[in-house]
Amino acid sequence: MALTIPDHLSAIRSYIEKRYKTDENFRDIYNDYLTYLDAYRFWSHNSTDVAPVRHKEYDELVSELEIELIQMLKKGADEAS
């Protein structure tokens, strides 16, 4: 099964794939990120009364995890230098 990489992160696909294979902590956070991204997409197309609140919550979670993942990748690149 191929690892899901959102289009906006495709430029760093190889770094994500390598880190995902070798770092359990990164893998756990990345899996959470994908779960929250799916929830964000779900709530963005939902028309219930709670949808705007849930959409905002998942938007924030996705953004926070994406920042954390990129920081982990940068730290790993700095340590490899």
PDB file of N, CA and C in Angstrom:
ATOM      1  N   MET A   1       0.838  -1.181   0.000  1.00  0.00           N
ATOM      2  CA  MET A   1       0.000   0.000   0.000  1.00  0.00           C
ATOM      3  C   MET A   1       0.879   1.240   0.000  1.00  0.00           C
ATOM      4  N   ALA A   2       0.618   2.139  -0.907  1.00  0.00           N
ATOM      5  CA  ALA A   2       1.397   3.371  -1.019  1.00  0.00           C
ATOM      6  C   ALA A   2       0.965   4.363   0.060  1.00  0.00           C
ATOM      7  N   LEU A   3       1.923   5.085   0.552  1.00  0.00           N
ATOM      8  CA  LEU A   3       1.662   6.101   1.556  1.00  0.00           C
ATOM      9  C   LEU A   3       0.939   7.282   0.913  1.00  0.00           C
ATOM     10  N   THR A   4      -0.112   7.747   1.547  1.00  0.00           N
ATOM     11  CA  THR A   4      -0.856   8.901   1.053  1.00  0.00           C
ATOM     12  C   THR A   4      -0.089  10.174   1.379  1.00  0.00           C
ATOM     13  N   ILE A   5       0.182  10.952   0.341  1.00  0.00           N
ATOM     14  CA  ILE A   5       0.858  12.235   0.509  1.00  0.00           C
ATOM     15  C   ILE A   5      -0.037  13.297  -0.145  1.00  0.00           C
ATOM     16  N   PRO A   6      -0.510  14.280   0.617  1.00  0.00           N
ATOM     17  CA  PRO A   6      -1.322  15.333   0.013  1.00  0.00           C
ATOM     18  C   PRO A   6      -0.540  16.068  -1.077  1.00  0.00           C
ATOM     19  N   ASP A   7      -1.244  16.543  -2.075  1.00  0.00           N
ATOM     20  CA  ASP A   7      -0.605  17.217  -3.211  1.00  0.00           C
ATOM     21  C   ASP A   7       0.320  18.352  -2.786  1.00  0.00           C
ATOM     22  N   HIS A   8      -0.089  19.136  -1.812  1.00  0.00           N
ATOM     23  CA  HIS A   8       0.730  20.289  -1.425  1.00  0.00           C
ATOM     24  C   HIS A   8       2.031  19.880  -0.721  1.00  0.00           C
ATOM     25  N   LEU A   9       2.179  18.601  -0.395  1.00  0.00           N
ATOM     26  CA  LEU A   9       3.427  18.104   0.198  1.00  0.00           C
ATOM     27  C   LEU A   9       4.208  17.210  -0.761  1.00  0.00           C
ATOM     28  N   SER A  10       3.759  17.113  -1.992  1.00  0.00           N
ATOM     29  CA  SER A  10       4.386  16.186  -2.939  1.00  0.00           C
ATOM     30  C   SER A  10       5.851  16.530  -3.224  1.00  0.00           C
ATOM     31  N   ALA A  11       6.243  17.778  -3.067  1.00  0.00           N
ATOM     32  CA  ALA A  11       7.633  18.168  -3.314  1.00  0.00           C
ATOM     33  C   ALA A  11       8.598  17.531  -2.308  1.00  0.00           C
ATOM     34  N   ILE A  12       8.077  17.151  -1.147  1.00  0.00           N
ATOM     35  CA  ILE A  12       8.933  16.531  -0.127  1.00  0.00           C
ATOM     36  C   ILE A  12       8.537  15.075   0.112  1.00  0.00           C
ATOM     37  N   ARG A  13       7.899  14.482  -0.868  1.00  0.00           N
ATOM     38  CA  ARG A  13       7.423  13.096  -0.777  1.00  0.00           C
ATOM     39  C   ARG A  13       8.520  12.136  -0.316  1.00  0.00           C
ATOM     40  N   SER A  14       9.676  12.198  -0.926  1.00  0.00           N
ATOM     41  CA  SER A  14      10.731  11.229  -0.596  1.00  0.00           C
ATOM     42  C   SER A  14      11.181  11.358   0.860  1.00  0.00           C
ATOM     43  N   TYR A  15      11.216  12.582   1.374  1.00  0.00           N
ATOM     44  CA  TYR A  15      11.609  12.791   2.767  1.00  0.00           C
ATOM     45  C   TYR A  15      10.555  12.217   3.715  1.00  0.00           C
ATOM     46  N   ILE A  16       9.295  12.438   3.374  1.00  0.00           N
ATOM     47  CA  ILE A  16       8.205  11.912   4.192  1.00  0.00           C
ATOM     48  C   ILE A  16       8.235  10.381   4.185  1.00  0.00           C
ATOM     49  N   GLU A  17       8.370   9.796   3.010  1.00  0.00           N
ATOM     50  CA  GLU A  17       8.376   8.336   2.906  1.00  0.00           C
ATOM     51  C   GLU A  17       9.532   7.717   3.683  1.00  0.00           C
ATOM     52  N   LYS A  18      10.707   8.305   3.568  1.00  0.00           N
ATOM     53  CA  LYS A  18      11.873   7.769   4.274  1.00  0.00           C
ATOM     54  C   LYS A  18      11.685   7.868   5.779  1.00  0.00           C
ATOM     55  N   ARG A  19      11.264   9.012   6.241  1.00  0.00           N
ATOM     56  CA  ARG A  19      11.077   9.214   7.689  1.00  0.00           C
ATOM     57  C   ARG A  19       9.952   8.326   8.214  1.00  0.00           C
ATOM     58  N   TYR A  20       8.900   8.168   7.426  1.00  0.00           N
ATOM     59  CA  TYR A  20       7.769   7.333   7.806  1.00  0.00           C
ATOM     60  C   TYR A  20       8.214   5.888   8.026  1.00  0.00           C
ATOM     61  N   LYS A  21       9.117   5.414   7.193  1.00  0.00           N
ATOM     62  CA  LYS A  21       9.598   4.032   7.301  1.00  0.00           C
ATOM     63  C   LYS A  21      10.515   3.818   8.506  1.00  0.00           C
ATOM     64  N   THR A  22      11.239   4.853   8.906  1.00  0.00           N
ATOM     65  CA  THR A  22      12.288   4.669   9.904  1.00  0.00           C
ATOM     66  C   THR A  22      11.995   5.246  11.280  1.00  0.00           C
ATOM     67  N   ASP A  23      10.962   6.059  11.414  1.00  0.00           N
ATOM     68  CA  ASP A  23      10.719   6.772  12.670  1.00  0.00           C
ATOM     69  C   ASP A  23       9.284   6.523  13.145  1.00  0.00           C
ATOM     70  N   GLU A  24       9.156   5.719  14.191  1.00  0.00           N
ATOM     71  CA  GLU A  24       7.826   5.359  14.689  1.00  0.00           C
ATOM     72  C   GLU A  24       7.040   6.581  15.171  1.00  0.00           C
ATOM     73  N   ASN A  25       7.691   7.509  15.843  1.00  0.00           N
ATOM     74  CA  ASN A  25       7.023   8.714  16.322  1.00  0.00           C
ATOM     75  C   ASN A  25       6.494   9.537  15.145  1.00  0.00           C
ATOM     76  N   PHE A  26       7.315   9.726  14.125  1.00  0.00           N
ATOM     77  CA  PHE A  26       6.890  10.450  12.926  1.00  0.00           C
ATOM     78  C   PHE A  26       5.704   9.725  12.281  1.00  0.00           C
ATOM     79  N   ARG A  27       5.796   8.417  12.200  1.00  0.00           N
ATOM     80  CA  ARG A  27       4.735   7.615  11.581  1.00  0.00           C
ATOM     81  C   ARG A  27       3.411   7.785  12.335  1.00  0.00           C
ATOM     82  N   ASP A  28       3.458   7.764  13.656  1.00  0.00           N
ATOM     83  CA  ASP A  28       2.249   7.941  14.459  1.00  0.00           C
ATOM     84  C   ASP A  28       1.629   9.323  14.229  1.00  0.00           C
ATOM     85  N   ILE A  29       2.457  10.338  14.236  1.00  0.00           N
ATOM     86  CA  ILE A  29       1.962  11.698  14.022  1.00  0.00           C
ATOM     87  C   ILE A  29       1.427  11.850  12.605  1.00  0.00           C
ATOM     88  N   TYR A  30       2.125  11.273  11.636  1.00  0.00           N
ATOM     89  CA  TYR A  30       1.675  11.364  10.244  1.00  0.00           C
ATOM     90  C   TYR A  30       0.340  10.645  10.059  1.00  0.00           C
ATOM     91  N   ASN A  31       0.167   9.506  10.687  1.00  0.00           N
ATOM     92  CA  ASN A  31      -1.105   8.797  10.595  1.00  0.00           C
ATOM     93  C   ASN A  31      -2.238   9.614  11.216  1.00  0.00           C
ATOM     94  N   ASP A  32      -1.959  10.268  12.349  1.00  0.00           N
ATOM     95  CA  ASP A  32      -2.955  11.176  12.943  1.00  0.00           C
ATOM     96  C   ASP A  32      -3.276  12.312  11.981  1.00  0.00           C
ATOM     97  N   TYR A  33      -2.242  12.860  11.367  1.00  0.00           N
ATOM     98  CA  TYR A  33      -2.408  13.947  10.397  1.00  0.00           C
ATOM     99  C   TYR A  33      -3.354  13.523   9.271  1.00  0.00           C
ATOM    100  N   LEU A  34      -3.152  12.331   8.726  1.00  0.00           N
ATOM    101  CA  LEU A  34      -4.014  11.856   7.641  1.00  0.00           C
ATOM    102  C   LEU A  34      -5.450  11.647   8.121  1.00  0.00           C
ATOM    103  N   THR A  35      -5.605  11.141   9.332  1.00  0.00           N
ATOM    104  CA  THR A  35      -6.941  10.945   9.898  1.00  0.00           C
ATOM    105  C   THR A  35      -7.656  12.285  10.048  1.00  0.00           C
ATOM    106  N   TYR A  36      -6.952  13.265  10.592  1.00  0.00           N
ATOM    107  CA  TYR A  36      -7.546  14.589  10.779  1.00  0.00           C
ATOM    108  C   TYR A  36      -7.809  15.277   9.441  1.00  0.00           C
ATOM    109  N   LEU A  37      -6.946  15.044   8.475  1.00  0.00           N
ATOM    110  CA  LEU A  37      -7.155  15.611   7.142  1.00  0.00           C
ATOM    111  C   LEU A  37      -8.432  15.047   6.518  1.00  0.00           C
ATOM    112  N   ASP A  38      -8.654  13.761   6.681  1.00  0.00           N
ATOM    113  CA  ASP A  38      -9.902  13.150   6.196  1.00  0.00           C
ATOM    114  C   ASP A  38     -11.114  13.756   6.899  1.00  0.00           C
ATOM    115  N   ALA A  39     -11.018  13.945   8.215  1.00  0.00           N
ATOM    116  CA  ALA A  39     -12.119  14.541   8.965  1.00  0.00           C
ATOM    117  C   ALA A  39     -12.358  15.985   8.515  1.00  0.00           C
ATOM    118  N   TYR A  40     -11.285  16.717   8.290  1.00  0.00           N
ATOM    119  CA  TYR A  40     -11.398  18.097   7.795  1.00  0.00           C
ATOM    120  C   TYR A  40     -12.157  18.121   6.467  1.00  0.00           C
ATOM    121  N   ARG A  41     -11.793  17.235   5.575  1.00  0.00           N
ATOM    122  CA  ARG A  41     -12.465  17.167   4.268  1.00  0.00           C
ATOM    123  C   ARG A  41     -13.931  16.782   4.425  1.00  0.00           C
ATOM    124  N   PHE A  42     -14.211  15.837   5.322  1.00  0.00           N
ATOM    125  CA  PHE A  42     -15.586  15.430   5.575  1.00  0.00           C
ATOM    126  C   PHE A  42     -16.418  16.619   6.046  1.00  0.00           C
ATOM    127  N   TRP A  43     -15.921  17.336   7.058  1.00  0.00           N
ATOM    128  CA  TRP A  43     -16.683  18.442   7.616  1.00  0.00           C
ATOM    129  C   TRP A  43     -16.770  19.627   6.673  1.00  0.00           C
ATOM    130  N   SER A  44     -15.858  19.741   5.742  1.00  0.00           N
ATOM    131  CA  SER A  44     -15.943  20.854   4.790  1.00  0.00           C
ATOM    132  C   SER A  44     -17.081  20.664   3.794  1.00  0.00           C
ATOM    133  N   HIS A  45     -17.575  19.425   3.661  1.00  0.00           N
ATOM    134  CA  HIS A  45     -18.680  19.134   2.740  1.00  0.00           C
ATOM    135  C   HIS A  45     -19.969  18.789   3.474  1.00  0.00           C
ATOM    136  N   ASN A  46     -19.967  18.971   4.769  1.00  0.00           N
ATOM    137  CA  ASN A  46     -21.118  18.623   5.580  1.00  0.00           C
ATOM    138  C   ASN A  46     -21.962  19.869   5.823  1.00  0.00           C
ATOM    139  N   SER A  47     -23.275  19.725   5.856  1.00  0.00           N
ATOM    140  CA  SER A  47     -24.146  20.895   6.009  1.00  0.00           C
ATOM    141  C   SER A  47     -24.917  20.918   7.329  1.00  0.00           C
ATOM    142  N   THR A  48     -24.496  20.121   8.286  1.00  0.00           N
ATOM    143  CA  THR A  48     -25.166  20.134   9.584  1.00  0.00           C
ATOM    144  C   THR A  48     -24.798  21.399  10.360  1.00  0.00           C
ATOM    145  N   ASP A  49     -25.525  21.638  11.434  1.00  0.00           N
ATOM    146  CA  ASP A  49     -25.280  22.835  12.248  1.00  0.00           C
ATOM    147  C   ASP A  49     -23.884  22.854  12.872  1.00  0.00           C
ATOM    148  N   VAL A  50     -23.353  21.687  13.205  1.00  0.00           N
ATOM    149  CA  VAL A  50     -22.037  21.635  13.854  1.00  0.00           C
ATOM    150  C   VAL A  50     -20.880  21.645  12.856  1.00  0.00           C
ATOM    151  N   ALA A  51     -21.174  21.543  11.578  1.00  0.00           N
ATOM    152  CA  ALA A  51     -20.117  21.443  10.561  1.00  0.00           C
ATOM    153  C   ALA A  51     -19.109  22.592  10.613  1.00  0.00           C
ATOM    154  N   PRO A  52     -19.549  23.843  10.695  1.00  0.00           N
ATOM    155  CA  PRO A  52     -18.542  24.925  10.719  1.00  0.00           C
ATOM    156  C   PRO A  52     -17.574  24.827  11.899  1.00  0.00           C
ATOM    157  N   VAL A  53     -18.094  24.438  13.050  1.00  0.00           N
ATOM    158  CA  VAL A  53     -17.241  24.311  14.243  1.00  0.00           C
ATOM    159  C   VAL A  53     -16.263  23.159  14.063  1.00  0.00           C
ATOM    160  N   ARG A  54     -16.757  22.011  13.620  1.00  0.00           N
ATOM    161  CA  ARG A  54     -15.892  20.843  13.410  1.00  0.00           C
ATOM    162  C   ARG A  54     -14.860  21.112  12.308  1.00  0.00           C
ATOM    163  N   HIS A  55     -15.286  21.773  11.266  1.00  0.00           N
ATOM    164  CA  HIS A  55     -14.379  22.110  10.166  1.00  0.00           C
ATOM    165  C   HIS A  55     -13.221  22.962  10.687  1.00  0.00           C
ATOM    166  N   LYS A  56     -13.546  23.960  11.494  1.00  0.00           N
ATOM    167  CA  LYS A  56     -12.518  24.840  12.062  1.00  0.00           C
ATOM    168  C   LYS A  56     -11.584  24.056  12.994  1.00  0.00           C
ATOM    169  N   GLU A  57     -12.158  23.198  13.828  1.00  0.00           N
ATOM    170  CA  GLU A  57     -11.342  22.395  14.744  1.00  0.00           C
ATOM    171  C   GLU A  57     -10.345  21.521  13.987  1.00  0.00           C
ATOM    172  N   TYR A  58     -10.835  20.843  12.962  1.00  0.00           N
ATOM    173  CA  TYR A  58      -9.946  19.956  12.211  1.00  0.00           C
ATOM    174  C   TYR A  58      -8.951  20.737  11.361  1.00  0.00           C
ATOM    175  N   ASP A  59      -9.339  21.912  10.909  1.00  0.00           N
ATOM    176  CA  ASP A  59      -8.403  22.764  10.176  1.00  0.00           C
ATOM    177  C   ASP A  59      -7.217  23.120  11.070  1.00  0.00           C
ATOM    178  N   GLU A  60      -7.512  23.471  12.307  1.00  0.00           N
ATOM    179  CA  GLU A  60      -6.454  23.819  13.257  1.00  0.00           C
ATOM    180  C   GLU A  60      -5.577  22.609  13.582  1.00  0.00           C
ATOM    181  N   LEU A  61      -6.204  21.461  13.798  1.00  0.00           N
ATOM    182  CA  LEU A  61      -5.431  20.249  14.091  1.00  0.00           C
ATOM    183  C   LEU A  61      -4.516  19.868  12.924  1.00  0.00           C
ATOM    184  N   VAL A  62      -5.043  19.910  11.727  1.00  0.00           N
ATOM    185  CA  VAL A  62      -4.254  19.581  10.537  1.00  0.00           C
ATOM    186  C   VAL A  62      -3.077  20.541  10.408  1.00  0.00           C
ATOM    187  N   SER A  63      -3.337  21.816  10.587  1.00  0.00           N
ATOM    188  CA  SER A  63      -2.265  22.819  10.475  1.00  0.00           C
ATOM    189  C   SER A  63      -1.179  22.592  11.520  1.00  0.00           C
ATOM    190  N   GLU A  64      -1.585  22.335  12.760  1.00  0.00           N
ATOM    191  CA  GLU A  64      -0.611  22.105  13.832  1.00  0.00           C
ATOM    192  C   GLU A  64       0.243  20.868  13.566  1.00  0.00           C
ATOM    193  N   LEU A  65      -0.397  19.792  13.142  1.00  0.00           N
ATOM    194  CA  LEU A  65       0.361  18.572  12.883  1.00  0.00           C
ATOM    195  C   LEU A  65       1.268  18.722  11.669  1.00  0.00           C
ATOM    196  N   GLU A  66       0.793  19.436  10.660  1.00  0.00           N
ATOM    197  CA  GLU A  66       1.637  19.651   9.479  1.00  0.00           C
ATOM    198  C   GLU A  66       2.896  20.434   9.853  1.00  0.00           C
ATOM    199  N   ILE A  67       2.742  21.445  10.676  1.00  0.00           N
ATOM    200  CA  ILE A  67       3.894  22.223  11.145  1.00  0.00           C
ATOM    201  C   ILE A  67       4.846  21.322  11.930  1.00  0.00           C
ATOM    202  N   GLU A  68       4.293  20.506  12.805  1.00  0.00           N
ATOM    203  CA  GLU A  68       5.123  19.599  13.599  1.00  0.00           C
ATOM    204  C   GLU A  68       5.877  18.606  12.717  1.00  0.00           C
ATOM    205  N   LEU A  69       5.206  18.059  11.730  1.00  0.00           N
ATOM    206  CA  LEU A  69       5.855  17.111  10.815  1.00  0.00           C
ATOM    207  C   LEU A  69       6.985  17.769  10.031  1.00  0.00           C
ATOM    208  N   ILE A  70       6.750  18.953   9.542  1.00  0.00           N
ATOM    209  CA  ILE A  70       7.786  19.661   8.776  1.00  0.00           C
ATOM    210  C   ILE A  70       8.967  20.003   9.679  1.00  0.00           C
ATOM    211  N   GLN A  71       8.693  20.387  10.918  1.00  0.00           N
ATOM    212  CA  GLN A  71       9.784  20.655  11.862  1.00  0.00           C
ATOM    213  C   GLN A  71      10.595  19.385  12.123  1.00  0.00           C
ATOM    214  N   MET A  72       9.912  18.257  12.243  1.00  0.00           N
ATOM    215  CA  MET A  72      10.620  16.982  12.442  1.00  0.00           C
ATOM    216  C   MET A  72      11.496  16.656  11.243  1.00  0.00           C
ATOM    217  N   LEU A  73      10.984  16.905  10.042  1.00  0.00           N
ATOM    218  CA  LEU A  73      11.775  16.650   8.838  1.00  0.00           C
ATOM    219  C   LEU A  73      12.990  17.568   8.776  1.00  0.00           C
ATOM    220  N   LYS A  74      12.809  18.838   9.123  1.00  0.00           N
ATOM    221  CA  LYS A  74      13.923  19.797   9.112  1.00  0.00           C
ATOM    222  C   LYS A  74      14.963  19.419  10.153  1.00  0.00           C
ATOM    223  N   LYS A  75      14.498  19.023  11.338  1.00  0.00           N
ATOM    224  CA  LYS A  75      15.433  18.629  12.389  1.00  0.00           C
ATOM    225  C   LYS A  75      16.232  17.400  11.951  1.00  0.00           C
ATOM    226  N   GLY A  76      15.568  16.462  11.336  1.00  0.00           N
ATOM    227  CA  GLY A  76      16.259  15.272  10.841  1.00  0.00           C
ATOM    228  C   GLY A  76      17.281  15.602   9.767  1.00  0.00           C
ATOM    229  N   ALA A  77      16.938  16.557   8.898  1.00  0.00           N
ATOM    230  CA  ALA A  77      17.881  16.975   7.855  1.00  0.00           C
ATOM    231  C   ALA A  77      19.073  17.700   8.463  1.00  0.00           C
ATOM    232  N   ASP A  78      18.822  18.520   9.494  1.00  0.00           N
ATOM    233  CA  ASP A  78      19.912  19.239  10.155  1.00  0.00           C
ATOM    234  C   ASP A  78      20.853  18.273  10.868  1.00  0.00           C
ATOM    235  N   GLU A  79      20.274  17.231  11.479  1.00  0.00           N
ATOM    236  CA  GLU A  79      21.104  16.252  12.198  1.00  0.00           C
ATOM    237  C   GLU A  79      21.920  15.398  11.234  1.00  0.00           C
ATOM    238  N   ALA A  80      21.410  15.215  10.019  1.00  0.00           N
ATOM    239  CA  ALA A  80      22.129  14.413   9.022  1.00  0.00           C
ATOM    240  C   ALA A  80      23.279  15.190   8.391  1.00  0.00           C
ATOM    241  N   SER A  81      23.247  16.518   8.528  1.00  0.00           N
ATOM    242  CA  SER A  81      24.298  17.354   7.922  1.00  0.00           C
ATOM    243  C   SER A  81      25.565  17.329   8.722  1.00  0.00           C
TER     244      SER A  81
END
